[in-house]
Amino acid sequence: MTEFRGRDIVSIADFSRQELDYILKTTDGIEDLAKRKPDLIRGKTCAILFFEPSTRTRLSFQAAVQRLGGFVLDMSEPRTSSIEKGENLTDTIRVVQNYADVIVLRHPLEGSARLAAEVADVPIINAGSGAEEHPTQAMLDLYTIMREMGSIDGLKVALLGDLRYGRTVHSLASALSLYDVKLYLVSPETLRMRREFVELARQRIEVQEFESLEPILKDIDVLYVTRIQKERFADPAEYAKLKGYYKITAETVRKMKPNAIIMHPLPKVDEVAPEVDLMPQARYFKQVYYGLLTRMALLALVLGAL
């Protein structure tokens, strides 16, 4: 068995399929284990350093720590910290590690989590680094697919929307490439997935790129929708041209397989019509709960409680 105690979680590329399968298996049993042992990480402290806005990721990590019996240190507002005085990220990490057993970091710059891991003496969990990666989101996405579909192997998965700036799809494409799946990438030409992630996936699995969802809609088992990320665009006019490029409606869903599922990392804006929320294919709110379980498992593993 791979040793997870003290391990950084920076990139999906750092994990093998065997390791991901072990994380999924651990996640499957963590809820019952936490009920039997609510003090699984008692005495351990998790520092949450978010330099970008977040709802689900921040709250799920907070809830995960508390459900396992640990303590949370939350830098909820960077503008009230020494960052505002000009302190750099490495100094912040070197300071905060004295207060915590693990640090969960979200930062707008690519490479930030890797840099933090290089200077920290405690594990770093990457909760989003620029438009680069979001590994724990990919892990919870894998768990959602496994729980809802019974298996990941043999599926046809479509990633739709902003594949250029969406860090969730970068990590998910890398993770899915370790499984026996067919991967469809659907995006406007200007928002195609970065070539390094596409080529990595193509070395392992079949990958096809489309601008329209229509040719594959009836074939896919999993539709993973992402929003067009306004905050990543340097030019507001470019965002305005692409906003609303895709819209998943009830009519779209009715063309899909009856047992297909729709996922979304959230927040969703206007890319999924409200009526879809009530359809049985919608799994994105369940996905949020699975995220809590996945992060509980990761914390327990990294802190050596399992």
Protein backbone atom coordinates (compact mmCIF):
# COMPACT_ATOMS: atom_id res chain seq x y z
CA MET A 1 0.00 0.00 0.00
CA THR A 2 1.24 3.48 -0.84
CA GLU A 3 2.12 5.69 2.13
CA PHE A 4 0.03 8.87 2.15
CA ARG A 5 1.11 10.26 5.52
CA GLY A 6 2.77 13.64 5.03
CA ARG A 7 2.20 13.63 1.29
CA ASP A 8 1.56 16.79 -0.73
CA ILE A 9 -1.45 16.85 -3.06
CA VAL A 10 -0.30 19.26 -5.76
CA SER A 11 -1.12 17.65 -9.10
CA ILE A 12 -3.10 14.68 -10.38
CA ALA A 13 0.00 13.86 -12.44
CA ASP A 14 1.71 12.86 -9.20
CA PHE A 15 -0.72 9.95 -8.64
CA SER A 16 -0.99 6.52 -10.22
CA ARG A 17 -4.25 4.76 -10.94
CA GLN A 18 -3.58 2.42 -8.03
CA GLU A 19 -3.26 5.40 -5.71
CA LEU A 20 -6.41 7.05 -7.03
CA ASP A 21 -8.33 3.79 -6.65
CA TYR A 22 -7.14 3.58 -3.05
CA ILE A 23 -8.36 7.14 -2.39
CA LEU A 24 -11.76 6.26 -3.90
CA LYS A 25 -11.97 3.13 -1.76
CA THR A 26 -11.07 5.12 1.35
CA THR A 27 -13.67 7.75 0.48
CA ASP A 28 -16.29 5.03 0.19
CA GLY A 29 -15.81 4.07 3.84
CA ILE A 30 -14.97 7.43 5.43
CA GLU A 31 -18.51 8.47 6.32
CA ASP A 32 -19.16 5.38 8.43
CA LEU A 33 -15.66 5.52 9.92
CA ALA A 34 -16.09 9.19 10.94
CA LYS A 35 -19.35 8.30 12.73
CA ARG A 36 -17.60 5.53 14.67
CA LYS A 37 -14.46 7.58 15.28
CA PRO A 38 -15.43 11.27 15.28
CA ASP A 39 -12.01 12.20 16.71
CA LEU A 40 -10.00 10.61 13.91
CA ILE A 41 -7.68 13.63 13.56
CA ARG A 42 -8.12 15.02 17.08
CA GLY A 43 -5.32 17.43 17.95
CA LYS A 44 -4.53 18.15 14.29
CA THR A 45 -4.90 21.63 12.78
CA CYS A 46 -5.62 22.50 9.16
CA ALA A 47 -4.74 26.00 7.89
CA ILE A 48 -6.90 27.19 5.00
CA LEU A 49 -5.20 29.88 2.92
CA PHE A 50 -7.39 31.11 0.10
CA PHE A 51 -6.21 34.01 -2.06
CA GLU A 52 -9.21 33.65 -4.38
CA PRO A 53 -12.97 33.49 -3.70
CA SER A 54 -14.49 30.10 -2.91
CA THR A 55 -17.64 28.63 -1.44
CA ARG A 56 -17.69 24.84 -1.89
CA THR A 57 -13.97 24.09 -1.67
CA ARG A 58 -13.41 26.26 1.39
CA LEU A 59 -16.51 25.10 3.25
CA SER A 60 -16.01 21.44 2.37
CA PHE A 61 -12.47 21.47 3.74
CA GLN A 62 -13.66 23.24 6.89
CA ALA A 63 -16.50 20.75 7.33
CA ALA A 64 -14.20 17.80 6.58
CA VAL A 65 -11.73 18.83 9.30
CA GLN A 66 -14.49 19.41 11.85
CA ARG A 67 -16.25 16.11 11.11
CA LEU A 68 -12.97 14.32 11.73
CA GLY A 69 -12.43 16.10 15.05
CA GLY A 70 -9.67 18.51 13.99
CA PHE A 71 -9.22 22.28 14.21
CA VAL A 72 -9.39 24.89 11.43
CA LEU A 73 -7.30 28.03 11.01
CA ASP A 74 -8.95 30.04 8.25
CA MET A 75 -7.35 33.07 6.60
CA SER A 76 -10.73 34.23 5.37
CA GLU A 77 -9.63 37.59 4.05
CA PRO A 78 -6.11 38.06 2.64
CA ARG A 79 -6.49 41.84 2.76
CA THR A 80 -6.45 41.68 6.57
CA SER A 81 -3.26 39.60 6.63
CA SER A 82 0.43 40.43 6.15
CA ILE A 83 -0.05 39.76 2.43
CA GLU A 84 -1.38 43.31 2.26
CA LYS A 85 1.95 44.51 3.67
CA GLY A 86 3.86 42.83 0.87
CA GLU A 87 4.70 39.46 2.41
CA ASN A 88 5.44 36.89 -0.30
CA LEU A 89 3.86 33.45 -0.53
CA THR A 90 6.91 31.48 0.60
CA ASP A 91 7.25 33.56 3.76
CA THR A 92 3.53 33.16 4.47
CA ILE A 93 3.84 29.37 4.13
CA ARG A 94 6.94 29.24 6.35
CA VAL A 95 5.07 31.19 9.03
CA VAL A 96 1.75 29.34 8.87
CA GLN A 97 3.33 25.88 8.98
CA ASN A 98 4.27 26.61 12.58
CA TYR A 99 0.57 26.70 13.46
CA ALA A 100 -0.75 23.81 11.37
CA ASP A 101 -0.29 20.14 10.53
CA VAL A 102 -1.53 20.60 6.95
CA ILE A 103 -2.10 23.63 4.71
CA VAL A 104 -4.86 23.90 2.10
CA LEU A 105 -3.90 26.54 -0.45
CA ARG A 106 -5.78 28.32 -3.24
CA HIS A 107 -3.82 30.92 -5.18
CA PRO A 108 -4.30 32.78 -8.49
CA LEU A 109 -0.78 32.05 -9.78
CA GLU A 110 0.10 28.85 -11.60
CA GLY A 111 2.84 26.92 -9.85
CA SER A 112 1.92 28.39 -6.47
CA ALA A 113 1.04 25.05 -4.87
CA ARG A 114 4.24 23.43 -6.13
CA LEU A 115 6.27 26.35 -4.77
CA ALA A 116 4.51 26.08 -1.40
CA ALA A 117 5.19 22.34 -1.26
CA GLU A 118 8.88 22.95 -1.90
CA VAL A 119 9.27 25.27 1.11
CA ALA A 120 6.79 23.72 3.58
CA ASP A 121 7.60 21.11 6.20
CA VAL A 122 3.91 20.13 6.43
CA PRO A 123 1.73 18.70 3.63
CA ILE A 124 0.31 21.14 1.08
CA ILE A 125 -3.07 20.42 -0.49
CA ASN A 126 -3.65 22.33 -3.73
CA ALA A 127 -7.19 23.75 -3.69
CA GLY A 128 -6.70 25.49 -7.04
CA SER A 129 -3.64 27.10 -8.61
CA GLY A 130 -4.51 29.73 -11.22
CA ALA A 131 -5.94 28.17 -14.39
CA GLU A 132 -3.62 25.21 -13.94
CA GLU A 133 -4.96 22.44 -11.68
CA HIS A 134 -7.47 21.51 -8.98
CA PRO A 135 -6.54 17.94 -7.99
CA THR A 136 -8.99 17.39 -5.12
CA GLN A 137 -11.84 18.43 -7.42
CA ALA A 138 -10.74 15.78 -9.92
CA MET A 139 -10.66 13.19 -7.15
CA LEU A 140 -14.18 14.03 -6.03
CA ASP A 141 -15.29 14.00 -9.67
CA LEU A 142 -13.89 10.49 -10.08
CA TYR A 143 -15.67 9.42 -6.91
CA THR A 144 -18.95 10.92 -8.16
CA ILE A 145 -18.66 9.00 -11.42
CA MET A 146 -17.82 5.77 -9.61
CA ARG A 147 -20.68 6.14 -7.11
CA GLU A 148 -23.29 7.15 -9.67
CA MET A 149 -22.26 4.91 -12.59
CA GLY A 150 -20.84 1.93 -10.68
CA SER A 151 -17.51 2.10 -12.51
CA ILE A 152 -15.30 4.54 -14.39
CA ASP A 153 -13.90 2.10 -16.95
CA GLY A 154 -15.86 1.73 -20.17
CA LEU A 155 -17.56 5.14 -20.05
CA LYS A 156 -17.75 7.94 -22.60
CA VAL A 157 -17.15 11.26 -20.87
CA ALA A 158 -17.62 14.73 -22.37
CA LEU A 159 -16.04 17.86 -20.87
CA LEU A 160 -17.95 20.95 -22.05
CA GLY A 161 -17.32 24.69 -21.84
CA ASP A 162 -14.24 26.63 -20.84
CA LEU A 163 -11.51 24.03 -21.28
CA ARG A 164 -8.72 26.58 -21.62
CA TYR A 165 -9.01 28.36 -18.29
CA GLY A 166 -10.94 25.73 -16.33
CA ARG A 167 -8.47 24.16 -13.91
CA THR A 168 -11.02 21.51 -12.90
CA VAL A 169 -11.10 20.01 -16.40
CA HIS A 170 -7.30 20.02 -16.65
CA SER A 171 -7.04 17.84 -13.56
CA LEU A 172 -10.03 15.69 -14.51
CA ALA A 173 -8.72 14.98 -18.02
CA SER A 174 -5.41 13.86 -16.51
CA ALA A 175 -7.19 11.65 -13.98
CA LEU A 176 -9.54 10.09 -16.54
CA SER A 177 -6.61 9.25 -18.78
CA LEU A 178 -5.61 6.61 -16.21
CA TYR A 179 -8.90 4.77 -16.81
CA ASP A 180 -10.41 2.96 -19.80
CA VAL A 181 -12.63 5.80 -21.04
CA LYS A 182 -13.30 7.73 -24.23
CA LEU A 183 -12.87 11.44 -23.66
CA TYR A 184 -14.67 14.12 -25.67
CA LEU A 185 -13.57 17.75 -25.33
CA VAL A 186 -16.26 20.23 -26.37
CA SER A 187 -15.46 23.94 -26.45
CA PRO A 188 -15.31 27.05 -28.63
CA GLU A 189 -12.14 27.18 -30.74
CA THR A 190 -10.63 29.92 -28.55
CA LEU A 191 -11.29 27.94 -25.35
CA ARG A 192 -9.84 24.60 -26.39
CA MET A 193 -7.96 22.69 -23.72
CA ARG A 194 -4.27 23.46 -23.35
CA ARG A 195 -2.22 21.21 -25.59
CA GLU A 196 -0.06 19.72 -22.84
CA PHE A 197 -3.12 18.28 -21.10
CA VAL A 198 -4.62 17.01 -24.37
CA GLU A 199 -1.40 15.33 -25.48
CA LEU A 200 -0.89 13.71 -22.08
CA ALA A 201 -4.38 12.21 -22.23
CA ARG A 202 -3.93 11.10 -25.86
CA GLN A 203 -0.89 9.05 -24.90
CA ARG A 204 -3.21 6.83 -22.86
CA ILE A 205 -6.79 7.02 -24.12
CA GLU A 206 -8.90 8.05 -27.11
CA VAL A 207 -9.54 11.81 -27.12
CA GLN A 208 -11.71 13.70 -29.61
CA GLU A 209 -12.36 17.44 -29.81
CA PHE A 210 -15.62 19.08 -30.91
CA GLU A 211 -17.10 22.56 -31.04
CA SER A 212 -20.68 21.26 -30.77
CA LEU A 213 -22.17 18.78 -28.31
CA GLU A 214 -24.78 17.57 -30.81
CA PRO A 215 -22.73 14.84 -32.59
CA ILE A 216 -22.01 12.97 -29.34
CA LEU A 217 -24.97 13.87 -27.14
CA LYS A 218 -26.76 10.53 -27.55
CA ASP A 219 -23.63 8.50 -26.91
CA ILE A 220 -22.09 9.97 -23.76
CA ASP A 221 -22.48 8.55 -20.26
CA VAL A 222 -21.16 11.59 -18.36
CA LEU A 223 -21.54 15.25 -19.32
CA TYR A 224 -19.24 17.50 -17.29
CA VAL A 225 -20.29 21.13 -17.78
CA THR A 226 -18.16 24.14 -16.88
CA ARG A 227 -18.91 27.85 -16.95
CA ILE A 228 -17.11 30.41 -19.08
CA GLN A 229 -14.83 31.92 -16.46
CA LYS A 230 -15.18 35.69 -16.61
CA GLU A 231 -12.43 36.28 -14.04
CA ARG A 232 -9.81 34.59 -16.26
CA PHE A 233 -10.34 36.87 -19.27
CA ALA A 234 -8.03 39.86 -19.70
CA ASP A 235 -10.39 41.31 -22.34
CA PRO A 236 -14.05 41.79 -21.20
CA ALA A 237 -15.14 41.97 -24.85
CA GLU A 238 -13.77 38.48 -25.48
CA TYR A 239 -15.74 37.14 -22.52
CA ALA A 240 -18.91 38.86 -23.77
CA LYS A 241 -18.57 37.06 -27.12
CA LEU A 242 -18.33 33.65 -25.49
CA LYS A 243 -20.76 34.09 -22.59
CA GLY A 244 -23.73 31.79 -23.09
CA TYR A 245 -22.00 29.84 -25.89
CA TYR A 246 -23.49 26.61 -24.52
CA LYS A 247 -26.79 26.09 -22.74
CA ILE A 248 -27.91 22.78 -21.28
CA THR A 249 -31.72 22.73 -21.27
CA ALA A 250 -34.36 20.12 -20.53
CA GLU A 251 -34.51 19.45 -24.27
CA THR A 252 -30.76 18.77 -24.30
CA VAL A 253 -31.12 16.29 -21.46
CA ARG A 254 -33.99 14.45 -23.12
CA LYS A 255 -31.66 13.61 -26.02
CA MET A 256 -29.17 11.95 -23.68
CA LYS A 257 -29.14 8.35 -22.49
CA PRO A 258 -31.71 7.84 -19.69
CA ASN A 259 -28.97 6.72 -17.28
CA ALA A 260 -26.45 9.41 -18.26
CA ILE A 261 -25.42 11.93 -15.62
CA ILE A 262 -24.66 15.65 -15.69
CA MET A 263 -21.90 17.04 -13.48
CA HIS A 264 -20.66 20.57 -12.82
CA PRO A 265 -17.89 21.82 -10.50
CA LEU A 266 -20.05 24.86 -9.65
CA PRO A 267 -20.79 27.70 -9.46
CA LYS A 268 -23.01 27.56 -12.52
CA VAL A 269 -24.18 30.80 -14.08
CA ASP A 270 -26.30 30.52 -17.23
CA GLU A 271 -24.85 27.41 -18.88
CA VAL A 272 -27.40 25.07 -17.23
CA ALA A 273 -31.10 25.97 -17.29
CA PRO A 274 -32.82 25.90 -13.87
CA GLU A 275 -35.26 23.18 -14.95
CA VAL A 276 -32.35 20.76 -15.39
CA ASP A 277 -31.72 20.88 -11.63
CA LEU A 278 -34.88 18.84 -11.07
CA MET A 279 -34.13 16.19 -13.68
CA PRO A 280 -32.76 12.80 -12.55
CA GLN A 281 -29.63 13.19 -14.68
CA ALA A 282 -28.45 16.20 -12.64
CA ARG A 283 -25.83 15.12 -10.13
CA TYR A 284 -23.96 18.35 -9.37
CA PHE A 285 -25.52 18.93 -5.96
CA LYS A 286 -24.78 15.33 -4.98
CA GLN A 287 -21.29 15.98 -6.30
CA VAL A 288 -20.90 18.62 -3.57
CA TYR A 289 -21.59 16.04 -0.86
CA TYR A 290 -19.21 13.57 -2.44
CA GLY A 291 -16.63 16.36 -2.31
CA LEU A 292 -16.99 16.53 1.45
CA LEU A 293 -16.39 12.77 1.75
CA THR A 294 -13.40 12.86 -0.60
CA ARG A 295 -11.72 15.67 1.33
CA MET A 296 -12.37 13.89 4.62
CA ALA A 297 -10.58 10.84 3.20
CA LEU A 298 -7.67 12.90 1.88
CA LEU A 299 -7.15 14.70 5.17
CA ALA A 300 -7.27 11.46 7.14
CA LEU A 301 -4.72 9.88 4.79
CA VAL A 302 -2.34 12.84 4.65
CA LEU A 303 -2.45 13.29 8.44
CA GLY A 304 -1.71 9.61 9.01
CA ALA A 305 -5.03 8.78 10.67
CA LEU A 306 -5.58 5.90 8.24
